[in-house]
C-alpha atoms as a PDB file:
ATOM      1  CA  MET A   1     -22.507 -11.075  38.587  1.00  0.00           C
ATOM      2  CA  SER A   2     -20.586  -9.465  35.757  1.00  0.00           C
ATOM      3  CA  LYS A   3     -16.894 -10.312  35.264  1.00  0.00           C
ATOM      4  CA  THR A   4     -14.704  -7.910  33.384  1.00  0.00           C
ATOM      5  CA  ILE A   5     -11.469  -8.936  31.467  1.00  0.00           C
ATOM      6  CA  GLN A   6      -8.546  -6.691  32.196  1.00  0.00           C
ATOM      7  CA  GLU A   7      -5.885  -6.008  29.449  1.00  0.00           C
ATOM      8  CA  HIS A   8      -2.402  -5.206  30.195  1.00  0.00           C
ATOM      9  CA  PRO A   9       0.136  -4.132  27.734  1.00  0.00           C
ATOM     10  CA  SER A  10       3.187  -6.243  26.954  1.00  0.00           C
ATOM     11  CA  GLN A  11       6.203  -5.449  28.807  1.00  0.00           C
ATOM     12  CA  GLU A  12       8.456  -6.122  25.653  1.00  0.00           C
ATOM     13  CA  PRO A  13       9.156  -3.045  23.508  1.00  0.00           C
ATOM     14  CA  SER A  14       8.499  -4.920  20.334  1.00  0.00           C
ATOM     15  CA  GLN A  15       7.162  -8.298  19.629  1.00  0.00           C
ATOM     16  CA  GLN A  16       8.272 -10.099  16.646  1.00  0.00           C
ATOM     17  CA  ASP A  17       5.866 -12.504  15.049  1.00  0.00           C
ATOM     18  CA  SER A  18       7.269 -14.836  12.451  1.00  0.00           C
ATOM     19  CA  LEU A  19       3.873 -15.675  11.083  1.00  0.00           C
ATOM     20  CA  ILE A  20       3.108 -12.024   9.982  1.00  0.00           C
ATOM     21  CA  ALA A  21       4.797 -10.962   6.775  1.00  0.00           C
ATOM     22  CA  LYS A  22       5.926  -7.306   6.852  1.00  0.00           C
ATOM     23  CA  GLY A  23       7.022  -5.461   3.880  1.00  0.00           C
ATOM     24  CA  TRP A  24       5.545  -8.008   1.353  1.00  0.00           C
ATOM     25  CA  GLN A  25       2.947  -5.553  -0.166  1.00  0.00           C
ATOM     26  CA  ARG A  26       4.669  -5.059  -3.400  1.00  0.00           C
ATOM     27  CA  GLU A  27       5.453  -8.608  -3.959  1.00  0.00           C
ATOM     28  CA  GLN A  28       1.915  -9.523  -3.306  1.00  0.00           C
ATOM     29  CA  TYR A  29       0.746  -6.994  -5.848  1.00  0.00           C
ATOM     30  CA  ILE A  30       3.294  -8.352  -8.438  1.00  0.00           C
ATOM     31  CA  GLY A  31       2.026 -12.006  -7.764  1.00  0.00           C
ATOM     32  CA  ILE A  32      -1.695 -10.900  -8.118  1.00  0.00           C
ATOM     33  CA  THR A  33      -1.112  -8.975 -11.278  1.00  0.00           C
ATOM     34  CA  ILE A  34       0.844 -12.079 -12.803  1.00  0.00           C
ATOM     35  CA  LEU A  35      -1.978 -14.362 -11.819  1.00  0.00           C
ATOM     36  CA  LEU A  36      -4.484 -12.057 -13.337  1.00  0.00           C
ATOM     37  CA  ILE A  37      -2.773 -11.729 -16.685  1.00  0.00           C
ATOM     38  CA  SER A  38      -2.160 -15.438 -16.755  1.00  0.00           C
ATOM     39  CA  LEU A  39      -5.880 -16.210 -16.078  1.00  0.00           C
ATOM     40  CA  ILE A  40      -6.944 -13.787 -18.823  1.00  0.00           C
ATOM     41  CA  ALA A  41      -4.584 -15.381 -21.235  1.00  0.00           C
ATOM     42  CA  ALA A  42      -5.686 -18.996 -20.427  1.00  0.00           C
ATOM     43  CA  VAL A  43      -9.402 -17.876 -20.763  1.00  0.00           C
ATOM     44  CA  GLY A  44      -8.659 -16.022 -24.082  1.00  0.00           C
ATOM     45  CA  TYR A  45      -7.029 -19.005 -25.346  1.00  0.00           C
ATOM     46  CA  PHE A  46     -10.255 -20.994 -25.038  1.00  0.00           C
ATOM     47  CA  SER A  47     -12.649 -18.167 -25.630  1.00  0.00           C
ATOM     48  CA  ARG A  48     -12.336 -14.982 -27.194  1.00  0.00           C
ATOM     49  CA  ARG A  49     -15.789 -13.576 -26.202  1.00  0.00           C
ATOM     50  CA  PHE A  50     -15.462 -14.774 -22.572  1.00  0.00           C
ATOM     51  CA  GLU A  51     -12.199 -13.038 -22.312  1.00  0.00           C
ATOM     52  CA  TYR A  52     -13.712  -9.616 -23.451  1.00  0.00           C
ATOM     53  CA  ALA A  53     -16.511 -10.129 -21.112  1.00  0.00           C
ATOM     54  CA  LEU A  54     -13.905 -10.811 -18.321  1.00  0.00           C
ATOM     55  CA  LEU A  55     -11.849  -7.803 -19.205  1.00  0.00           C
ATOM     56  CA  PHE A  56     -14.900  -5.626 -19.306  1.00  0.00           C
ATOM     57  CA  ALA A  57     -16.151  -6.831 -15.826  1.00  0.00           C
ATOM     58  CA  PHE A  58     -12.659  -6.317 -14.282  1.00  0.00           C
ATOM     59  CA  ILE A  59     -12.197  -2.676 -15.844  1.00  0.00           C
ATOM     60  CA  PHE A  60     -15.760  -1.905 -14.732  1.00  0.00           C
ATOM     61  CA  SER A  61     -15.160  -3.027 -11.241  1.00  0.00           C
ATOM     62  CA  ILE A  62     -12.037  -1.024 -11.001  1.00  0.00           C
ATOM     63  CA  ILE A  63     -13.715   2.049 -12.045  1.00  0.00           C
ATOM     64  CA  LEU A  64     -16.642   1.495  -9.728  1.00  0.00           C
ATOM     65  CA  ILE A  65     -14.324   0.926  -6.839  1.00  0.00           C
ATOM     66  CA  VAL A  66     -12.292   4.090  -7.521  1.00  0.00           C
ATOM     67  CA  PHE A  67     -15.552   6.193  -7.971  1.00  0.00           C
ATOM     68  CA  LEU A  68     -17.027   4.931  -4.774  1.00  0.00           C
ATOM     69  CA  LEU A  69     -13.820   5.518  -2.861  1.00  0.00           C
ATOM     70  CA  ALA A  70     -13.642   9.021  -4.069  1.00  0.00           C
ATOM     71  CA  ILE A  71     -17.065   9.912  -2.628  1.00  0.00           C
END
């Protein structure tokens, strides 16, 4: 015997969930950029060759992602 689950839409017009951040995309991108720059600076402080390899991999990844999204 198969039982089905019925879904009913909420009666409230809009539910506010305090755990979901809305409108924080710009701040997240700024934070990620600062974190990335500080990571590259910290790595570059210890090893210049590794910094160049990290930058190359990052730039190559961005180019590859843009290329694959354009197809």
